[in-house]
């Protein structure tokens, strides 16, 4: 059953990174700040969200570190640039949590496991997962949000992912700006 979204005071927003905020490199990774390109409309979306949600956190699997393709320091530089561009544009991301672990390690921090959500709750005790939204573009993102009891939102137009998420997905939009417009119209 699809739940109705009624955002109000005290709501938190969780966002995946690759494919939601920035262009995804199929079969590769964003390895340096110059590789990071925001998807059109994302900056405007984050400005809209800044006035609605508290906190706004990014939760991202980054197995490129576990594979030795990049380092924690390189990822930090990418995130610094991302956060600076968001801030300059009037948006806000309060924290970025990432899992460097490989998919086959069954890590507690790697989505769809809930570790990054619990880390966020530890850093921001005001988070109530029942008043939180998880926005992602993959089944593991949506399952992560579902396991924590969040409202789940899929962005993107991959029909296979929509089908895979049936039963645990609350809403679907073509992109983040469409979701931001929906939230703004329904608060």
N, C-alpha and C. Protein backbone atom coordinates (compact mmCIF):
# COMPACT_ATOMS: atom_id res chain seq x y z
N UNK A 1 0.84 -1.19 0.00
CA UNK A 1 0.00 0.00 0.00
C UNK A 1 0.88 1.25 0.00
N UNK A 2 0.60 2.17 -0.87
CA UNK A 2 1.39 3.39 -0.96
C UNK A 2 0.91 4.38 0.11
N UNK A 3 1.88 4.88 0.86
CA UNK A 3 1.57 5.86 1.90
C UNK A 3 1.53 7.26 1.30
N UNK A 4 0.69 8.11 1.86
CA UNK A 4 0.63 9.50 1.42
C UNK A 4 1.74 10.28 2.12
N UNK A 5 2.42 11.12 1.36
CA UNK A 5 3.51 11.92 1.91
C UNK A 5 2.96 13.23 2.43
N UNK A 6 3.14 13.47 3.72
CA UNK A 6 2.72 14.71 4.36
C UNK A 6 3.90 15.24 5.16
N UNK A 7 4.78 15.96 4.48
CA UNK A 7 5.99 16.48 5.11
C UNK A 7 5.63 17.67 5.99
N UNK A 8 6.26 17.71 7.15
CA UNK A 8 6.06 18.83 8.07
C UNK A 8 7.30 19.04 8.91
N UNK A 9 7.13 19.75 9.98
CA UNK A 9 8.23 20.05 10.89
C UNK A 9 8.86 18.76 11.43
N UNK A 10 10.18 18.74 11.47
CA UNK A 10 10.90 17.61 12.04
C UNK A 10 11.21 16.49 11.07
N UNK A 11 10.99 16.70 9.78
CA UNK A 11 11.28 15.66 8.80
C UNK A 11 12.74 15.71 8.38
N UNK A 12 13.30 14.53 8.09
CA UNK A 12 14.69 14.38 7.63
C UNK A 12 14.69 13.86 6.21
N UNK A 13 15.75 14.20 5.47
CA UNK A 13 15.88 13.75 4.09
C UNK A 13 17.21 13.02 3.92
N UNK A 14 17.13 11.81 3.40
CA UNK A 14 18.30 11.00 3.07
C UNK A 14 18.38 10.91 1.55
N UNK A 15 19.56 11.16 1.01
CA UNK A 15 19.76 11.14 -0.44
C UNK A 15 20.91 10.22 -0.80
N UNK A 16 20.72 9.39 -1.81
CA UNK A 16 21.83 8.68 -2.41
C UNK A 16 22.62 9.71 -3.20
N UNK A 17 23.85 9.39 -3.59
CA UNK A 17 24.66 10.34 -4.35
C UNK A 17 24.64 10.04 -5.85
N UNK A 18 25.35 9.00 -6.27
CA UNK A 18 25.49 8.70 -7.70
C UNK A 18 24.15 8.32 -8.32
N UNK A 19 23.76 9.04 -9.35
CA UNK A 19 22.50 8.79 -10.02
C UNK A 19 21.33 9.58 -9.46
N UNK A 20 21.53 10.20 -8.31
CA UNK A 20 20.50 11.06 -7.70
C UNK A 20 20.99 12.51 -7.71
N UNK A 21 22.19 12.73 -7.16
CA UNK A 21 22.76 14.08 -7.12
C UNK A 21 23.65 14.35 -8.33
N UNK A 22 24.46 13.37 -8.68
CA UNK A 22 25.42 13.56 -9.76
C UNK A 22 25.28 12.48 -10.82
N UNK A 23 25.83 12.79 -11.98
CA UNK A 23 25.81 11.85 -13.09
C UNK A 23 26.57 10.59 -12.69
N UNK A 24 25.97 9.46 -12.97
CA UNK A 24 26.59 8.16 -12.69
C UNK A 24 27.48 7.78 -13.87
N UNK A 25 28.62 7.16 -13.60
CA UNK A 25 29.52 6.65 -14.64
C UNK A 25 29.31 5.15 -14.72
N UNK A 26 28.48 4.66 -15.65
CA UNK A 26 28.25 3.21 -15.72
C UNK A 26 29.57 2.45 -15.88
N UNK A 27 29.79 1.50 -14.99
CA UNK A 27 31.00 0.69 -15.04
C UNK A 27 32.25 1.38 -14.54
N UNK A 28 32.11 2.58 -13.99
CA UNK A 28 33.27 3.33 -13.49
C UNK A 28 32.84 4.13 -12.27
N UNK A 29 33.75 4.94 -11.76
CA UNK A 29 33.51 5.71 -10.54
C UNK A 29 33.88 7.17 -10.74
N UNK A 30 33.24 8.04 -9.99
CA UNK A 30 33.69 9.42 -9.87
C UNK A 30 34.93 9.35 -9.00
N UNK A 31 36.10 9.66 -9.58
CA UNK A 31 37.37 9.46 -8.86
C UNK A 31 38.07 10.75 -8.45
N UNK A 32 37.60 11.87 -8.99
CA UNK A 32 38.22 13.16 -8.64
C UNK A 32 37.16 14.25 -8.75
N UNK A 33 37.38 15.38 -8.09
CA UNK A 33 36.37 16.44 -8.10
C UNK A 33 35.92 16.85 -9.50
N UNK A 34 36.81 16.87 -10.47
CA UNK A 34 36.43 17.28 -11.82
C UNK A 34 35.51 16.28 -12.51
N UNK A 35 35.44 15.05 -12.00
CA UNK A 35 34.53 14.04 -12.55
C UNK A 35 33.09 14.24 -12.06
N UNK A 36 32.95 14.99 -10.98
CA UNK A 36 31.64 15.15 -10.34
C UNK A 36 30.82 16.21 -11.08
N UNK A 37 29.68 15.79 -11.64
CA UNK A 37 28.80 16.71 -12.36
C UNK A 37 27.39 16.54 -11.82
N UNK A 38 26.83 17.63 -11.29
CA UNK A 38 25.46 17.57 -10.79
C UNK A 38 24.49 17.29 -11.93
N UNK A 39 23.49 16.48 -11.65
CA UNK A 39 22.39 16.25 -12.59
C UNK A 39 21.59 17.56 -12.68
N UNK A 40 21.13 17.93 -13.86
CA UNK A 40 20.35 19.17 -13.98
C UNK A 40 19.18 19.21 -12.99
N UNK A 41 19.03 20.34 -12.33
CA UNK A 41 17.96 20.55 -11.37
C UNK A 41 18.30 20.20 -9.94
N UNK A 42 19.41 19.52 -9.72
CA UNK A 42 19.75 19.08 -8.36
C UNK A 42 20.06 20.26 -7.45
N UNK A 43 20.84 21.22 -7.93
CA UNK A 43 21.19 22.37 -7.09
C UNK A 43 19.94 23.12 -6.65
N UNK A 44 19.02 23.34 -7.58
CA UNK A 44 17.76 24.01 -7.24
C UNK A 44 16.96 23.17 -6.24
N UNK A 45 16.96 21.86 -6.42
CA UNK A 45 16.26 20.96 -5.50
C UNK A 45 16.81 21.09 -4.09
N UNK A 46 18.14 21.11 -3.97
CA UNK A 46 18.76 21.19 -2.65
C UNK A 46 18.46 22.53 -1.98
N UNK A 47 18.33 23.59 -2.75
CA UNK A 47 17.93 24.89 -2.20
C UNK A 47 16.50 24.80 -1.67
N UNK A 48 15.62 24.15 -2.41
CA UNK A 48 14.24 23.96 -1.96
C UNK A 48 14.21 23.13 -0.68
N UNK A 49 14.94 22.02 -0.68
CA UNK A 49 14.94 21.12 0.48
C UNK A 49 15.50 21.79 1.73
N UNK A 50 16.45 22.73 1.56
CA UNK A 50 17.09 23.38 2.71
C UNK A 50 16.07 24.08 3.60
N UNK A 51 14.99 24.58 3.03
CA UNK A 51 13.98 25.25 3.82
C UNK A 51 12.91 24.33 4.36
N UNK A 52 13.02 23.05 4.08
CA UNK A 52 11.97 22.10 4.47
C UNK A 52 12.47 21.03 5.44
N UNK A 53 13.64 20.46 5.16
CA UNK A 53 14.13 19.30 5.92
C UNK A 53 15.27 19.67 6.86
N UNK A 54 15.32 18.94 7.96
CA UNK A 54 16.42 19.10 8.90
C UNK A 54 16.58 17.81 9.69
N UNK A 55 17.64 17.08 9.48
CA UNK A 55 18.78 17.34 8.61
C UNK A 55 18.58 16.77 7.20
N UNK A 56 19.54 17.12 6.33
CA UNK A 56 19.66 16.55 4.99
C UNK A 56 20.99 15.81 4.95
N UNK A 57 20.94 14.51 4.69
CA UNK A 57 22.16 13.71 4.68
C UNK A 57 22.27 12.89 3.40
N UNK A 58 23.50 12.67 3.00
CA UNK A 58 23.79 11.82 1.86
C UNK A 58 24.32 10.49 2.40
N UNK A 59 23.81 9.40 1.86
CA UNK A 59 24.27 8.05 2.20
C UNK A 59 24.67 7.37 0.90
N UNK A 60 25.94 7.01 0.78
CA UNK A 60 26.43 6.54 -0.50
C UNK A 60 27.39 5.36 -0.37
N UNK A 61 27.17 4.34 -1.17
CA UNK A 61 28.11 3.23 -1.27
C UNK A 61 29.25 3.66 -2.19
N UNK A 62 30.47 3.48 -1.74
CA UNK A 62 31.64 3.89 -2.53
C UNK A 62 32.67 2.77 -2.54
N UNK A 63 32.32 1.66 -3.18
CA UNK A 63 33.21 0.50 -3.19
C UNK A 63 34.47 0.73 -4.02
N UNK A 64 34.56 1.84 -4.74
CA UNK A 64 35.80 2.17 -5.44
C UNK A 64 36.97 2.25 -4.48
N UNK A 65 36.69 2.63 -3.23
CA UNK A 65 37.74 2.67 -2.20
C UNK A 65 38.16 1.24 -1.86
N UNK A 66 37.18 0.38 -1.60
CA UNK A 66 37.46 -1.01 -1.28
C UNK A 66 38.18 -1.75 -2.40
N UNK A 67 37.95 -1.32 -3.62
CA UNK A 67 38.60 -1.94 -4.78
C UNK A 67 39.98 -1.34 -5.06
N UNK A 68 40.36 -0.31 -4.30
CA UNK A 68 41.67 0.31 -4.49
C UNK A 68 41.74 1.26 -5.68
N UNK A 69 40.59 1.65 -6.21
CA UNK A 69 40.54 2.55 -7.36
C UNK A 69 40.70 4.00 -6.93
N UNK A 70 40.31 4.30 -5.69
CA UNK A 70 40.47 5.63 -5.13
C UNK A 70 40.66 5.51 -3.63
N UNK A 71 41.04 6.61 -3.01
CA UNK A 71 41.31 6.61 -1.57
C UNK A 71 40.22 7.39 -0.83
N UNK A 72 40.21 7.22 0.48
CA UNK A 72 39.32 8.02 1.32
C UNK A 72 39.59 9.51 1.12
N UNK A 73 40.86 9.87 0.99
CA UNK A 73 41.23 11.28 0.81
C UNK A 73 40.68 11.82 -0.52
N UNK A 74 40.74 11.02 -1.57
CA UNK A 74 40.18 11.46 -2.86
C UNK A 74 38.67 11.65 -2.76
N UNK A 75 38.00 10.73 -2.08
CA UNK A 75 36.55 10.86 -1.91
C UNK A 75 36.22 12.10 -1.10
N UNK A 76 37.02 12.38 -0.09
CA UNK A 76 36.81 13.57 0.74
C UNK A 76 36.89 14.84 -0.12
N UNK A 77 37.84 14.90 -1.04
CA UNK A 77 37.96 16.07 -1.93
C UNK A 77 36.74 16.22 -2.83
N UNK A 78 36.23 15.10 -3.32
CA UNK A 78 35.01 15.14 -4.14
C UNK A 78 33.85 15.69 -3.34
N UNK A 79 33.71 15.20 -2.10
CA UNK A 79 32.59 15.65 -1.26
C UNK A 79 32.75 17.09 -0.82
N UNK A 80 33.98 17.53 -0.58
CA UNK A 80 34.21 18.94 -0.24
C UNK A 80 33.72 19.84 -1.37
N UNK A 81 34.07 19.49 -2.59
CA UNK A 81 33.64 20.29 -3.75
C UNK A 81 32.12 20.26 -3.87
N UNK A 82 31.52 19.09 -3.73
CA UNK A 82 30.07 18.96 -3.81
C UNK A 82 29.39 19.86 -2.77
N UNK A 83 29.84 19.76 -1.53
CA UNK A 83 29.24 20.54 -0.44
C UNK A 83 29.41 22.04 -0.65
N UNK A 84 30.57 22.44 -1.15
CA UNK A 84 30.83 23.86 -1.40
C UNK A 84 29.90 24.40 -2.49
N UNK A 85 29.74 23.65 -3.57
CA UNK A 85 28.85 24.10 -4.65
C UNK A 85 27.40 24.19 -4.16
N UNK A 86 26.99 23.25 -3.33
CA UNK A 86 25.63 23.28 -2.78
C UNK A 86 25.47 24.50 -1.88
N UNK A 87 26.45 24.75 -1.02
CA UNK A 87 26.37 25.89 -0.09
C UNK A 87 26.32 27.21 -0.83
N UNK A 88 27.19 27.38 -1.81
CA UNK A 88 27.25 28.62 -2.58
C UNK A 88 25.91 28.89 -3.28
N UNK A 89 25.22 27.84 -3.65
CA UNK A 89 23.95 27.96 -4.38
C UNK A 89 22.74 28.09 -3.46
N UNK A 90 22.97 28.17 -2.16
CA UNK A 90 21.87 28.35 -1.22
C UNK A 90 21.24 27.06 -0.73
N UNK A 91 21.87 25.95 -1.03
CA UNK A 91 21.37 24.67 -0.54
C UNK A 91 22.12 24.24 0.71
N UNK A 92 21.83 23.01 1.13
CA UNK A 92 22.45 22.52 2.35
C UNK A 92 22.46 21.00 2.33
N UNK A 93 23.61 20.43 2.67
CA UNK A 93 23.74 19.01 3.01
C UNK A 93 24.46 19.00 4.33
N UNK A 94 23.85 18.41 5.34
CA UNK A 94 24.39 18.49 6.70
C UNK A 94 25.47 17.45 6.98
N UNK A 95 25.45 16.35 6.27
CA UNK A 95 26.48 15.32 6.48
C UNK A 95 26.47 14.36 5.30
N UNK A 96 27.64 13.75 5.08
CA UNK A 96 27.78 12.71 4.07
C UNK A 96 28.32 11.46 4.76
N UNK A 97 27.60 10.36 4.63
CA UNK A 97 28.04 9.08 5.16
C UNK A 97 28.30 8.17 3.97
N UNK A 98 29.39 7.41 4.05
CA UNK A 98 29.70 6.51 2.94
C UNK A 98 30.24 5.19 3.46
N UNK A 99 30.03 4.19 2.63
CA UNK A 99 30.58 2.86 2.91
C UNK A 99 31.62 2.55 1.84
N UNK A 100 32.87 2.32 2.26
CA UNK A 100 33.91 1.98 1.29
C UNK A 100 33.96 0.49 0.96
N UNK A 101 33.07 -0.27 1.55
CA UNK A 101 33.15 -1.72 1.48
C UNK A 101 32.65 -2.29 0.16
N UNK A 102 33.21 -3.43 -0.20
CA UNK A 102 32.81 -4.13 -1.41
C UNK A 102 31.44 -4.76 -1.24
N UNK A 103 30.76 -4.92 -2.35
CA UNK A 103 29.41 -5.48 -2.36
C UNK A 103 29.37 -6.86 -1.69
N UNK A 104 30.36 -7.70 -1.95
CA UNK A 104 30.34 -9.08 -1.44
C UNK A 104 30.78 -9.24 0.01
N UNK A 105 31.07 -8.14 0.71
CA UNK A 105 31.53 -8.24 2.10
C UNK A 105 30.39 -8.32 3.11
N UNK A 106 29.16 -8.04 2.66
CA UNK A 106 28.00 -8.05 3.56
C UNK A 106 28.20 -7.08 4.73
N UNK A 107 28.80 -5.96 4.43
CA UNK A 107 29.08 -4.93 5.42
C UNK A 107 27.80 -4.34 6.00
N UNK A 108 27.82 -4.04 7.28
CA UNK A 108 26.67 -3.43 7.97
C UNK A 108 26.46 -1.99 7.52
N UNK A 109 27.50 -1.35 6.97
CA UNK A 109 27.35 0.04 6.54
C UNK A 109 26.96 0.17 5.08
N UNK A 110 27.09 -0.88 4.32
CA UNK A 110 26.80 -0.80 2.88
C UNK A 110 25.31 -1.01 2.62
N UNK A 111 24.68 -0.04 1.95
CA UNK A 111 23.26 -0.20 1.61
C UNK A 111 23.09 -1.46 0.76
N UNK A 112 22.09 -2.26 1.02
CA UNK A 112 20.87 -1.95 1.75
C UNK A 112 20.93 -2.18 3.26
N UNK A 113 22.07 -2.55 3.81
CA UNK A 113 22.19 -2.65 5.27
C UNK A 113 21.97 -1.25 5.87
N UNK A 114 21.60 -1.17 7.13
CA UNK A 114 21.13 0.07 7.72
C UNK A 114 22.18 0.87 8.48
N UNK A 115 23.43 0.45 8.43
CA UNK A 115 24.47 1.09 9.24
C UNK A 115 24.62 2.59 9.05
N UNK A 116 24.59 3.05 7.80
CA UNK A 116 24.73 4.50 7.57
C UNK A 116 23.54 5.26 8.15
N UNK A 117 22.37 4.67 8.12
CA UNK A 117 21.21 5.31 8.73
C UNK A 117 21.36 5.45 10.23
N UNK A 118 21.90 4.40 10.87
CA UNK A 118 22.11 4.46 12.32
C UNK A 118 23.21 5.45 12.68
N UNK A 119 24.24 5.55 11.83
CA UNK A 119 25.28 6.57 12.05
C UNK A 119 24.68 7.97 11.97
N UNK A 120 23.80 8.18 11.00
CA UNK A 120 23.15 9.48 10.86
C UNK A 120 22.30 9.80 12.09
N UNK A 121 21.56 8.82 12.58
CA UNK A 121 20.72 8.99 13.77
C UNK A 121 21.59 9.30 14.99
N UNK A 122 22.75 8.68 15.06
CA UNK A 122 23.67 8.95 16.16
C UNK A 122 24.18 10.40 16.12
N UNK A 123 24.50 10.87 14.92
CA UNK A 123 25.00 12.24 14.77
C UNK A 123 23.88 13.28 14.90
N UNK A 124 22.68 12.91 14.47
CA UNK A 124 21.52 13.81 14.51
C UNK A 124 20.39 13.12 15.28
N UNK A 125 20.42 13.18 16.62
CA UNK A 125 19.43 12.46 17.43
C UNK A 125 17.98 12.83 17.13
N UNK A 126 17.75 13.97 16.51
CA UNK A 126 16.38 14.38 16.19
C UNK A 126 15.76 13.55 15.06
N UNK A 127 16.58 12.78 14.35
CA UNK A 127 16.04 11.97 13.26
C UNK A 127 15.05 10.95 13.79
N UNK A 128 13.88 10.94 13.17
CA UNK A 128 12.85 9.94 13.42
C UNK A 128 12.64 9.26 12.07
N UNK A 129 12.99 8.01 11.95
CA UNK A 129 12.92 7.34 10.66
C UNK A 129 11.50 7.32 10.09
N UNK A 130 10.49 7.35 10.94
CA UNK A 130 9.10 7.40 10.46
C UNK A 130 8.78 8.77 9.86
N UNK A 131 9.61 9.76 10.14
CA UNK A 131 9.46 11.10 9.56
C UNK A 131 10.70 11.42 8.72
N UNK A 132 11.13 10.42 7.96
CA UNK A 132 12.30 10.56 7.08
C UNK A 132 11.95 10.03 5.71
N UNK A 133 12.64 10.58 4.72
CA UNK A 133 12.46 10.16 3.33
C UNK A 133 13.81 9.71 2.80
N UNK A 134 13.83 8.56 2.14
CA UNK A 134 15.02 8.08 1.44
C UNK A 134 14.77 8.21 -0.05
N UNK A 135 15.65 8.98 -0.73
CA UNK A 135 15.56 9.15 -2.18
C UNK A 135 16.75 8.45 -2.81
N UNK A 136 16.47 7.52 -3.70
CA UNK A 136 17.54 6.78 -4.36
C UNK A 136 17.15 6.39 -5.77
N UNK A 137 18.12 5.80 -6.46
CA UNK A 137 17.86 5.37 -7.84
C UNK A 137 18.07 3.88 -8.05
N UNK A 138 18.29 3.14 -6.95
CA UNK A 138 18.50 1.70 -7.06
C UNK A 138 17.66 0.95 -6.02
N UNK A 139 17.52 -0.33 -6.26
CA UNK A 139 16.80 -1.18 -5.31
C UNK A 139 17.44 -1.13 -3.93
N UNK A 140 18.78 -1.15 -3.86
CA UNK A 140 19.43 -1.15 -2.54
C UNK A 140 19.13 0.14 -1.77
N UNK A 141 19.00 1.26 -2.47
CA UNK A 141 18.64 2.52 -1.80
C UNK A 141 17.24 2.42 -1.19
N UNK A 142 16.32 1.92 -2.00
CA UNK A 142 14.93 1.84 -1.56
C UNK A 142 14.78 0.81 -0.44
N UNK A 143 15.47 -0.31 -0.54
CA UNK A 143 15.42 -1.33 0.52
C UNK A 143 16.01 -0.79 1.82
N UNK A 144 17.10 -0.03 1.73
CA UNK A 144 17.70 0.63 2.90
C UNK A 144 16.65 1.48 3.61
N UNK A 145 15.98 2.36 2.87
CA UNK A 145 14.96 3.22 3.46
C UNK A 145 13.80 2.42 4.04
N UNK A 146 13.36 1.41 3.32
CA UNK A 146 12.26 0.56 3.77
C UNK A 146 12.61 -0.14 5.09
N UNK A 147 13.82 -0.67 5.17
CA UNK A 147 14.24 -1.39 6.39
C UNK A 147 14.24 -0.48 7.61
N UNK A 148 14.46 0.81 7.40
CA UNK A 148 14.46 1.76 8.52
C UNK A 148 13.09 2.38 8.75
N UNK A 149 12.11 2.01 7.94
CA UNK A 149 10.75 2.53 8.11
C UNK A 149 10.55 3.91 7.49
N UNK A 150 11.45 4.30 6.58
CA UNK A 150 11.34 5.60 5.93
C UNK A 150 10.33 5.57 4.80
N UNK A 151 9.89 6.75 4.41
CA UNK A 151 9.12 6.93 3.18
C UNK A 151 10.13 6.80 2.06
N UNK A 152 9.85 6.01 1.03
CA UNK A 152 10.83 5.73 -0.02
C UNK A 152 10.43 6.37 -1.35
N UNK A 153 11.43 6.99 -2.00
CA UNK A 153 11.21 7.68 -3.26
C UNK A 153 12.29 7.24 -4.24
N UNK A 154 11.86 6.75 -5.38
CA UNK A 154 12.78 6.36 -6.43
C UNK A 154 12.83 7.46 -7.48
N UNK A 155 14.05 7.84 -7.89
CA UNK A 155 14.20 8.78 -9.00
C UNK A 155 14.88 8.06 -10.15
N UNK A 156 14.46 8.42 -11.35
CA UNK A 156 14.99 7.77 -12.54
C UNK A 156 13.87 7.06 -13.29
N UNK A 157 14.19 6.59 -14.47
CA UNK A 157 13.15 6.01 -15.31
C UNK A 157 13.43 4.55 -15.66
N UNK A 158 14.28 3.89 -14.90
CA UNK A 158 14.60 2.49 -15.17
C UNK A 158 13.42 1.60 -14.75
N UNK A 159 12.67 1.11 -15.72
CA UNK A 159 11.48 0.31 -15.43
C UNK A 159 11.80 -0.96 -14.65
N UNK A 160 12.97 -1.53 -14.88
CA UNK A 160 13.36 -2.74 -14.14
C UNK A 160 13.52 -2.45 -12.65
N UNK A 161 14.10 -1.29 -12.33
CA UNK A 161 14.27 -0.91 -10.92
C UNK A 161 12.91 -0.63 -10.29
N UNK A 162 12.03 0.05 -11.02
CA UNK A 162 10.68 0.30 -10.50
C UNK A 162 9.99 -1.02 -10.19
N UNK A 163 10.08 -1.97 -11.10
CA UNK A 163 9.46 -3.28 -10.89
C UNK A 163 10.09 -3.98 -9.68
N UNK A 164 11.41 -3.94 -9.58
CA UNK A 164 12.13 -4.59 -8.48
C UNK A 164 11.71 -4.00 -7.14
N UNK A 165 11.39 -2.71 -7.12
CA UNK A 165 11.05 -2.02 -5.87
C UNK A 165 9.57 -2.10 -5.51
N UNK A 166 8.78 -2.73 -6.38
CA UNK A 166 7.34 -2.79 -6.09
C UNK A 166 7.12 -3.47 -4.75
N UNK A 167 6.22 -2.90 -3.99
CA UNK A 167 5.93 -3.43 -2.66
C UNK A 167 6.65 -2.70 -1.54
N UNK A 168 7.77 -2.04 -1.86
CA UNK A 168 8.49 -1.28 -0.82
C UNK A 168 8.69 0.18 -1.23
N UNK A 169 8.18 0.54 -2.40
CA UNK A 169 8.35 1.88 -2.94
C UNK A 169 7.09 2.70 -2.70
N UNK A 170 7.27 3.94 -2.21
CA UNK A 170 6.12 4.81 -1.97
C UNK A 170 5.82 5.73 -3.15
N UNK A 171 6.84 6.36 -3.71
CA UNK A 171 6.65 7.27 -4.84
C UNK A 171 7.80 7.14 -5.81
N UNK A 172 7.56 7.52 -7.07
CA UNK A 172 8.59 7.49 -8.10
C UNK A 172 8.51 8.76 -8.94
N UNK A 173 9.68 9.32 -9.27
CA UNK A 173 9.76 10.54 -10.06
C UNK A 173 10.88 10.39 -11.09
N UNK A 174 10.81 11.12 -12.20
CA UNK A 174 11.87 11.00 -13.20
C UNK A 174 13.21 11.55 -12.72
N UNK A 175 13.18 12.53 -11.79
CA UNK A 175 14.42 13.15 -11.32
C UNK A 175 14.16 13.86 -10.00
N UNK A 176 15.24 14.36 -9.39
CA UNK A 176 15.13 14.99 -8.07
C UNK A 176 14.34 16.29 -8.12
N UNK A 177 14.48 17.07 -9.19
CA UNK A 177 13.75 18.33 -9.26
C UNK A 177 12.24 18.09 -9.31
N UNK A 178 11.81 17.03 -9.96
CA UNK A 178 10.38 16.69 -9.98
C UNK A 178 9.89 16.37 -8.57
N UNK A 179 10.70 15.65 -7.81
CA UNK A 179 10.34 15.35 -6.43
C UNK A 179 10.32 16.61 -5.58
N UNK A 180 11.30 17.50 -5.76
CA UNK A 180 11.36 18.76 -5.00
C UNK A 180 10.11 19.59 -5.27
N UNK A 181 9.68 19.66 -6.51
CA UNK A 181 8.47 20.41 -6.86
C UNK A 181 7.25 19.78 -6.20
N UNK A 182 7.19 18.47 -6.19
CA UNK A 182 6.09 17.76 -5.54
C UNK A 182 6.03 18.08 -4.03
N UNK A 183 7.19 18.02 -3.39
CA UNK A 183 7.25 18.31 -1.94
C UNK A 183 6.81 19.74 -1.68
N UNK A 184 7.33 20.67 -2.47
CA UNK A 184 6.99 22.08 -2.26
C UNK A 184 5.49 22.33 -2.42
N UNK A 185 4.85 21.62 -3.33
CA UNK A 185 3.41 21.77 -3.56
C UNK A 185 2.57 21.09 -2.48
N UNK A 186 3.18 20.18 -1.73
CA UNK A 186 2.41 19.37 -0.76
C UNK A 186 2.82 19.54 0.68
N UNK A 187 3.44 20.68 1.00
CA UNK A 187 3.76 20.92 2.43
C UNK A 187 2.75 21.84 3.04
